């Protein structure tokens, strides 16, 4: 046998040996058919959940859903579906209305596969309080109730790579042409970026009827500034977010010296209180009680509309103590891990005074008693009362 032929025979033998070994090691994976619900309990405001199928490609399946009144259905309003698996995994969405019935309700989901495997599961949809006007899992958002013709809304804008991050929420009262509170998260990421107030203009909020808002193309008449509730400097992250802080729904008639000195210094101090876990802020204007002698009870806008002036302003703050726990507020179960405070300032001509003292600090519980609003409802029930009743000014740099 010549040398070339011998090498060919040896290579052929080696190839066959490798092929044999490879064939011995190849195993065909068998996928057991199964199905699971993505949730067994959903909120009353939820409108969908899903059943996840996993099976060998080509396996036929049928899936059915049963609910009293057919409140839960698949796409197209049908309650049964039948098909075969074109991929190993498949997600089938179940759709339903918000549950305003006043009681929880349940649905049954059953799945049958052509290989004989079956699945039956149940999910319960809780009821929701129809008196709540807006509900979000945001730590800063007060309880929004359907009362007094208040208008609740949230503005969204660009933050980093997100094009639709929440900017701020508000409770607008048409009777005073102003928001009673504005709530927002505050993080270092919000305070730096391309936003420039020189490019922003005061104007109407597109989400509220113009007839309900103050005309603030120029400032209020008299010595009252267009006082921001969420400061423009808190939203340098993008021009879009900063522009939204110039809407009339974010403005109140604020005495010039108070706005530019004491209140302005407080805004800066709040920015210095941010943390990695996020600082949650509610800024508010209170219209009850007696006015300071230096403040008129009302002023007018550029159209001559009467605009009542607030008697007090406040900032309610909440954050984790360490600031870097990585926990959501509702995940904290120890009251000693959270701190809150309210800066409650009389609206007055404070001149050049910029001091913030212990006399300006109250608890969140006190603020709730004064205003009637429920603040930071995302706090766990087991710690809520303790957190809201405690106020330690020194934790916030106030001596």
Protein backbone atom coordinates (compact mmCIF):
# COMPACT_ATOMS: atom_id res chain seq x y z
CA UNK A 1 0.00 0.00 0.00
CA UNK A 2 1.51 3.29 -1.02
CA UNK A 3 1.99 6.06 1.52
CA UNK A 4 -0.84 8.31 0.28
CA UNK A 5 -3.36 5.49 0.29
CA UNK A 6 -2.30 4.42 3.76
CA UNK A 7 -2.82 7.92 5.15
CA UNK A 8 -6.28 8.06 3.52
CA UNK A 9 -7.31 4.77 5.09
CA UNK A 10 -6.12 5.92 8.52
CA UNK A 11 -8.00 9.22 8.29
CA UNK A 12 -11.15 7.43 7.14
CA UNK A 13 -10.97 5.09 10.09
CA UNK A 14 -10.45 7.93 12.53
CA UNK A 15 -13.39 9.85 11.06
CA UNK A 16 -15.65 6.83 11.36
CA UNK A 17 -14.57 6.33 14.96
CA UNK A 18 -15.34 9.96 15.82
CA UNK A 19 -18.66 9.72 14.00
CA UNK A 20 -19.54 6.59 15.97
CA UNK A 21 -18.62 8.22 19.26
CA UNK A 22 -20.63 11.35 18.34
CA UNK A 23 -23.67 9.29 17.40
CA UNK A 24 -23.49 7.44 20.70
CA UNK A 25 -23.45 10.72 22.65
CA UNK A 26 -26.30 12.48 20.79
CA UNK A 27 -29.46 12.47 22.87
CA UNK A 28 -32.80 13.81 21.72
CA UNK A 29 -34.26 16.07 24.43
CA UNK A 30 -37.83 15.30 25.31
CA UNK A 31 -39.84 18.25 26.61
CA UNK A 32 -42.64 17.44 29.00
CA UNK A 33 -45.77 19.43 28.21
CA UNK A 34 -46.70 21.89 30.94
CA UNK A 35 -48.57 25.12 31.54
CA UNK A 36 -48.38 27.81 34.22
CA UNK A 37 -50.14 31.07 35.07
CA UNK A 38 -47.94 34.15 35.44
CA UNK A 39 -50.03 35.24 38.44
CA UNK A 40 -52.58 33.68 40.75
CA UNK A 41 -53.69 37.02 42.26
CA UNK A 42 -53.98 40.27 40.28
CA UNK A 43 -54.92 43.78 41.35
CA UNK A 44 -58.35 45.19 40.77
CA UNK A 45 -56.87 47.71 38.35
CA UNK A 46 -54.99 45.06 36.35
CA UNK A 47 -56.30 44.32 32.86
CA UNK A 48 -54.34 41.23 31.83
CA UNK A 49 -52.28 38.24 32.88
CA UNK A 50 -51.00 35.22 30.91
CA UNK A 51 -50.75 31.46 30.71
CA UNK A 52 -47.36 30.13 29.58
CA UNK A 53 -47.22 26.86 27.60
CA UNK A 54 -44.12 24.71 27.17
CA UNK A 55 -44.16 21.60 24.96
CA UNK A 56 -42.45 19.80 22.11
CA UNK A 57 -42.85 21.59 18.79
CA UNK A 58 -45.83 20.21 16.90
CA UNK A 59 -47.73 19.27 20.05
CA UNK A 60 -51.38 20.24 19.74
CA UNK A 61 -53.08 22.04 22.61
CA UNK A 62 -56.43 23.50 23.61
CA UNK A 63 -56.87 26.13 26.29
CA UNK A 64 -60.12 27.35 27.86
CA UNK A 65 -61.05 29.95 30.45
CA UNK A 66 -64.17 30.01 32.60
CA UNK A 67 -65.40 33.03 34.56
CA UNK A 68 -68.82 34.00 35.79
CA UNK A 69 -70.10 36.57 33.32
CA UNK A 70 -67.19 35.92 30.93
CA UNK A 71 -65.20 38.85 32.34
CA UNK A 72 -61.95 37.12 31.38
CA UNK A 73 -61.30 36.20 27.73
CA UNK A 74 -58.54 35.70 25.19
CA UNK A 75 -57.80 38.04 22.29
CA UNK A 76 -60.96 38.69 20.29
CA UNK A 77 -63.25 38.04 23.25
CA UNK A 78 -63.13 34.23 22.86
CA UNK A 79 -62.95 31.83 25.79
CA UNK A 80 -61.34 28.84 24.01
CA UNK A 81 -58.31 28.47 21.76
CA UNK A 82 -56.82 25.49 19.92
CA UNK A 83 -53.55 25.29 17.98
CA UNK A 84 -50.22 23.51 17.90
CA UNK A 85 -46.83 24.54 19.28
CA UNK A 86 -44.72 26.26 16.63
CA UNK A 87 -42.01 26.93 19.24
CA UNK A 88 -41.11 25.30 22.52
CA UNK A 89 -42.58 28.17 24.58
CA UNK A 90 -45.77 30.10 23.96
CA UNK A 91 -47.47 32.92 25.93
CA UNK A 92 -51.24 33.32 25.70
CA UNK A 93 -52.64 36.54 27.17
CA UNK A 94 -55.88 36.72 29.15
CA UNK A 95 -57.66 40.07 29.16
CA UNK A 96 -60.21 41.47 31.61
CA UNK A 97 -61.75 44.73 32.77
CA UNK A 98 -60.83 46.55 35.96
CA UNK A 99 -62.80 45.05 38.81
CA UNK A 100 -65.11 47.70 40.26
CA UNK A 101 -67.64 45.13 41.46
CA UNK A 102 -66.76 45.61 45.12
CA UNK A 103 -65.78 41.95 45.54
CA UNK A 104 -62.94 39.74 44.32
CA UNK A 105 -63.63 37.32 41.46
CA UNK A 106 -61.94 34.18 40.15
CA UNK A 107 -61.42 32.47 36.81
CA UNK A 108 -60.43 28.90 35.88
CA UNK A 109 -57.88 28.19 33.14
CA UNK A 110 -57.57 24.65 31.72
CA UNK A 111 -55.09 23.32 29.16
CA UNK A 112 -55.01 19.95 27.37
CA UNK A 113 -52.08 18.73 25.25
CA UNK A 114 -52.24 16.07 22.54
CA UNK A 115 -49.73 13.95 24.49
CA UNK A 116 -52.29 13.59 27.29
CA UNK A 117 -50.85 16.09 29.76
CA UNK A 118 -53.34 18.49 31.37
CA UNK A 119 -53.25 21.60 33.52
CA UNK A 120 -55.87 23.43 35.57
CA UNK A 121 -55.17 26.71 37.33
CA UNK A 122 -57.03 29.58 38.95
CA UNK A 123 -56.40 33.28 39.35
CA UNK A 124 -58.22 35.82 41.48
CA UNK A 125 -58.75 39.47 40.61
CA UNK A 126 -59.11 41.72 43.62
CA UNK A 127 -61.60 44.57 43.69
CA UNK A 128 -60.44 48.18 43.68
CA UNK A 129 -61.73 51.30 45.38
CA UNK A 130 -63.71 53.29 42.80
CA UNK A 131 -63.25 56.42 44.91
CA UNK A 132 -59.54 56.41 44.03
CA UNK A 133 -58.92 58.61 41.00
CA UNK A 134 -55.35 57.54 40.20
CA UNK A 135 -53.29 54.67 41.56
CA UNK A 136 -49.65 53.95 40.77
CA UNK A 137 -46.93 52.00 42.54
CA UNK A 138 -44.88 55.15 43.08
CA UNK A 139 -43.60 55.93 46.55
CA UNK A 140 -44.09 59.69 46.19
CA UNK A 141 -47.73 59.61 45.11
CA UNK A 142 -50.32 60.65 47.74
CA UNK A 143 -53.69 58.90 47.80
CA UNK A 144 -55.69 60.40 44.92
CA UNK A 145 -59.39 60.49 45.77
CA UNK A 146 -62.31 61.45 43.55
CA UNK A 147 -63.46 64.55 45.42
CA UNK A 148 -63.89 68.32 45.10
CA UNK A 149 -63.47 68.24 41.31
CA UNK A 150 -59.72 67.77 41.70
CA UNK A 151 -57.83 66.93 38.52
CA UNK A 152 -55.03 64.35 38.80
CA UNK A 153 -52.41 63.90 36.12
CA UNK A 154 -48.85 62.73 35.53
CA UNK A 155 -46.38 64.15 33.02
CA UNK A 156 -43.71 61.96 31.43
CA UNK A 157 -40.51 62.81 29.60
CA UNK A 158 -37.01 61.80 28.59
CA UNK A 159 -34.63 60.61 31.31
CA UNK A 160 -31.40 59.05 30.10
CA UNK A 161 -32.25 56.22 27.71
CA UNK A 162 -35.91 56.27 28.77
CA UNK A 163 -38.23 58.32 26.59
CA UNK A 164 -41.27 57.99 28.85
CA UNK A 165 -40.07 58.23 32.44
CA UNK A 166 -42.41 59.81 34.96
CA UNK A 167 -41.68 63.46 35.62
CA UNK A 168 -44.21 64.57 38.22
CA UNK A 169 -47.83 64.06 39.28
CA UNK A 170 -50.21 66.69 40.63
CA UNK A 171 -53.56 67.37 42.23
CA UNK A 172 -54.98 70.46 40.49
CA UNK A 173 -57.83 72.39 42.08
CA UNK A 174 -59.69 74.53 39.49
CA UNK A 175 -61.26 76.61 42.28
CA UNK A 176 -57.86 78.14 43.11
CA UNK A 177 -56.28 77.73 39.64
CA UNK A 178 -53.37 75.86 41.20
CA UNK A 179 -52.19 72.42 42.26
CA UNK A 180 -52.61 71.56 45.92
CA UNK A 181 -49.59 69.28 45.65
CA UNK A 182 -47.00 68.13 43.13
CA UNK A 183 -45.26 64.78 43.75
CA UNK A 184 -42.05 63.55 42.17
CA UNK A 185 -39.01 61.31 42.60
CA UNK A 186 -35.66 63.07 42.94
CA UNK A 187 -32.34 61.44 42.06
CA UNK A 188 -28.98 62.72 40.87
CA UNK A 189 -29.94 61.55 37.37
CA UNK A 190 -32.76 64.11 37.32
CA UNK A 191 -30.54 67.07 38.15
CA UNK A 192 -27.94 67.07 35.39
CA UNK A 193 -28.25 67.05 31.62
CA UNK A 194 -29.20 69.20 28.66
CA UNK A 195 -32.18 70.96 30.28
CA UNK A 196 -31.79 74.76 30.20
CA UNK A 197 -34.46 77.04 31.68
CA UNK A 198 -33.48 79.80 29.22
CA UNK A 199 -35.16 77.69 26.54
CA UNK A 200 -38.33 77.07 28.58
CA UNK A 201 -41.45 79.24 28.46
CA UNK A 202 -44.33 79.63 30.89
CA UNK A 203 -47.53 78.30 29.39
CA UNK A 204 -50.71 76.28 29.79
CA UNK A 205 -50.73 72.61 30.69
CA UNK A 206 -52.15 70.68 27.70
CA UNK A 207 -53.76 68.15 30.04
CA UNK A 208 -56.07 70.69 31.74
CA UNK A 209 -58.70 73.01 30.28
CA UNK A 210 -57.23 76.46 29.64
CA UNK A 211 -60.28 78.06 31.24
CA UNK A 212 -59.33 76.42 34.57
CA UNK A 213 -55.73 77.59 34.53
CA UNK A 214 -54.07 80.90 35.32
CA UNK A 215 -52.79 82.96 32.37
CA UNK A 216 -49.11 83.22 33.25
CA UNK A 217 -47.59 84.55 30.04
CA UNK A 218 -46.25 87.11 32.50
CA UNK A 219 -46.16 86.87 36.27
CA UNK A 220 -49.13 87.31 38.59
CA UNK A 221 -50.08 90.90 39.29
CA UNK A 222 -48.53 92.53 42.34
CA UNK A 223 -45.37 91.25 44.00
CA UNK A 224 -46.13 87.58 43.38
CA UNK A 225 -43.78 85.35 41.40
CA UNK A 226 -44.76 82.37 39.33
CA UNK A 227 -43.55 79.98 42.01
CA UNK A 228 -42.61 76.48 40.84
CA UNK A 229 -43.72 73.59 43.02
CA UNK A 230 -41.30 71.16 41.38
CA UNK A 231 -38.28 73.39 40.70
CA UNK A 232 -36.89 73.66 37.19
CA UNK A 233 -33.44 72.87 38.62
CA UNK A 234 -34.75 69.45 39.71
CA UNK A 235 -35.26 68.52 36.06
CA UNK A 236 -32.11 69.38 34.14
CA UNK A 237 -32.07 65.81 32.82
CA UNK A 238 -33.81 66.82 29.58
CA UNK A 239 -35.32 69.88 27.96
CA UNK A 240 -38.64 68.05 27.72
CA UNK A 241 -38.88 67.44 31.46
CA UNK A 242 -37.71 70.95 32.29
CA UNK A 243 -40.26 72.51 29.92
CA UNK A 244 -43.04 70.65 31.74
CA UNK A 245 -42.09 72.33 35.02
CA UNK A 246 -43.15 75.66 33.45
CA UNK A 247 -46.78 74.61 33.01
CA UNK A 248 -49.35 76.74 34.84
CA UNK A 249 -50.45 73.68 36.83
CA UNK A 250 -47.04 73.73 38.54
CA UNK A 251 -47.30 77.41 39.50
CA UNK A 252 -48.72 79.30 42.48
CA UNK A 253 -48.66 83.03 43.33
CA UNK A 254 -45.65 83.17 45.64
CA UNK A 255 -44.43 86.36 47.28
CA UNK A 256 -41.16 87.43 45.61
CA UNK A 257 -38.85 87.63 48.63
CA UNK A 258 -40.17 84.35 50.01
CA UNK A 259 -39.78 82.61 46.64
CA UNK A 260 -36.29 83.88 45.87
CA UNK A 261 -34.80 83.59 49.35
CA UNK A 262 -36.17 81.27 52.04
CA UNK A 263 -38.08 78.96 49.67
CA UNK A 264 -35.28 78.97 47.11
CA UNK A 265 -32.74 77.96 49.75
CA UNK A 266 -35.01 75.13 50.90
CA UNK A 267 -35.23 73.85 47.32
CA UNK A 268 -31.44 73.73 47.15
CA UNK A 269 -31.18 71.93 50.46
CA UNK A 270 -33.66 69.31 49.27
CA UNK A 271 -31.49 68.64 46.22
CA UNK A 272 -28.60 67.94 48.59
CA UNK A 273 -30.67 65.22 50.30
CA UNK A 274 -30.87 62.87 47.31
CA UNK A 275 -29.61 59.31 47.58
CA UNK A 276 -29.06 56.24 45.43
CA UNK A 277 -32.38 54.78 46.62
CA UNK A 278 -34.15 58.00 45.43
CA UNK A 279 -35.65 60.80 47.50
CA UNK A 280 -39.43 61.09 47.26
CA UNK A 281 -40.87 64.61 47.41
CA UNK A 282 -44.34 66.12 47.68
CA UNK A 283 -44.41 69.92 47.38
CA UNK A 284 -47.68 71.54 48.33
CA UNK A 285 -49.56 74.81 48.66
CA UNK A 286 -52.07 75.15 51.51
CA UNK A 287 -54.93 77.64 51.12
CA UNK A 288 -56.65 77.27 54.49
CA UNK A 289 -56.47 79.44 57.59
CA UNK A 290 -55.41 83.06 57.99
CA UNK A 291 -52.94 84.86 55.76
CA UNK A 292 -49.85 86.57 57.09
CA UNK A 293 -50.34 90.34 57.21
CA UNK A 294 -47.73 90.75 54.46
CA UNK A 295 -49.71 88.60 52.00
CA UNK A 296 -52.86 89.54 50.10
CA UNK A 297 -55.60 86.93 50.18
CA UNK A 298 -55.68 86.91 46.38
CA UNK A 299 -54.12 88.33 43.25
CA UNK A 300 -54.95 88.12 39.53
CA UNK A 301 -53.39 86.60 36.44
CA UNK A 302 -52.79 88.29 33.09
CA UNK A 303 -56.41 87.76 32.07
CA UNK A 304 -57.77 89.28 35.26
CA UNK A 305 -58.79 85.92 36.74
CA UNK A 306 -58.77 85.83 40.54
CA UNK A 307 -56.02 83.63 41.95
CA UNK A 308 -56.14 82.97 45.72
CA UNK A 309 -52.76 83.01 47.46
CA UNK A 310 -51.59 80.12 49.67
CA UNK A 311 -51.22 80.62 53.41
CA UNK A 312 -48.53 77.94 53.78
CA UNK A 313 -46.15 75.98 51.60
CA UNK A 314 -44.66 72.60 52.40
CA UNK A 315 -42.25 69.94 51.23
CA UNK A 316 -42.78 66.38 52.47
CA UNK A 317 -39.73 64.12 52.07
CA UNK A 318 -39.21 60.38 52.39
CA UNK A 319 -36.15 58.19 51.76
CA UNK A 320 -34.24 55.27 53.22
CA UNK A 321 -31.82 56.24 56.00
CA UNK A 322 -28.76 54.59 54.47
CA UNK A 323 -29.75 55.69 50.99
CA UNK A 324 -28.19 52.70 49.22
CA UNK A 325 -30.26 49.71 50.27
CA UNK A 326 -31.56 48.94 46.78
CA UNK A 327 -35.04 48.48 48.28
CA UNK A 328 -38.32 49.94 47.11
CA UNK A 329 -40.12 51.88 49.83
CA UNK A 330 -42.85 49.23 50.05
CA UNK A 331 -40.19 46.54 50.57
CA UNK A 332 -38.88 48.14 53.76
CA UNK A 333 -40.29 46.41 56.86
CA UNK A 334 -38.23 48.15 59.55
CA UNK A 335 -39.26 51.71 60.53
CA UNK A 336 -35.66 52.44 61.55
CA UNK A 337 -34.57 52.06 57.93
CA UNK A 338 -36.72 54.96 56.69
CA UNK A 339 -36.86 58.66 57.53
CA UNK A 340 -39.42 61.29 56.70
CA UNK A 341 -39.98 64.97 57.41
CA UNK A 342 -42.14 67.91 56.39
CA UNK A 343 -40.95 71.48 56.01
CA UNK A 344 -44.03 73.61 56.74
CA UNK A 345 -43.45 77.30 56.00
CA UNK A 346 -45.76 80.26 56.54
CA UNK A 347 -46.24 82.17 53.28
CA UNK A 348 -44.96 85.63 54.14
CA UNK A 349 -42.64 88.38 53.00
CA UNK A 350 -39.56 86.94 54.67
CA UNK A 351 -37.20 89.51 53.22
CA UNK A 352 -33.60 88.29 53.02
CA UNK A 353 -34.17 85.60 55.65
CA UNK A 354 -33.10 82.15 54.43
CA UNK A 355 -32.95 80.24 57.73
CA UNK A 356 -34.69 76.88 58.13
CA UNK A 357 -35.17 75.90 61.79
CA UNK A 358 -36.78 73.14 63.85
CA UNK A 359 -39.85 75.37 64.11
CA UNK A 360 -40.34 74.84 60.36
CA UNK A 361 -40.39 71.03 60.72
CA UNK A 362 -43.42 68.84 61.37
CA UNK A 363 -44.21 65.14 60.96
CA UNK A 364 -45.97 63.57 58.00
CA UNK A 365 -48.83 62.65 60.34
CA UNK A 366 -49.25 66.32 61.25
CA UNK A 367 -49.31 67.28 57.59
CA UNK A 368 -52.04 64.72 56.93
CA UNK A 369 -54.10 66.17 59.79
CA UNK A 370 -53.70 69.71 58.42
CA UNK A 371 -54.40 68.98 54.73
CA UNK A 372 -56.66 65.92 54.75
CA UNK A 373 -54.43 64.13 52.24
CA UNK A 374 -52.82 60.73 52.82
CA UNK A 375 -49.12 60.88 52.00
CA UNK A 376 -46.74 58.05 51.09
CA UNK A 377 -49.39 55.29 51.16
CA UNK A 378 -46.82 52.85 49.71
CA UNK A 379 -45.25 52.50 53.16
CA UNK A 380 -45.81 49.03 54.60
CA UNK A 381 -48.76 49.00 57.00
CA UNK A 382 -46.58 47.56 59.78
CA UNK A 383 -44.33 50.64 59.88
CA UNK A 384 -46.48 53.41 58.41
CA UNK A 385 -47.72 54.96 61.66
CA UNK A 386 -44.26 54.97 63.25
CA UNK A 387 -42.55 56.51 60.23
CA UNK A 388 -45.22 59.18 59.79
CA UNK A 389 -45.25 60.22 63.46
CA UNK A 390 -41.51 60.61 63.82
CA UNK A 391 -39.59 63.74 62.86
CA UNK A 392 -35.87 64.21 63.55
CA UNK A 393 -34.75 67.55 62.04
CA UNK A 394 -31.06 66.79 62.66
CA UNK A 395 -31.28 63.88 60.20
CA UNK A 396 -32.03 66.50 57.56
CA UNK A 397 -29.36 68.98 58.50
CA UNK A 398 -31.59 71.17 60.66
CA UNK A 399 -30.33 72.07 64.14
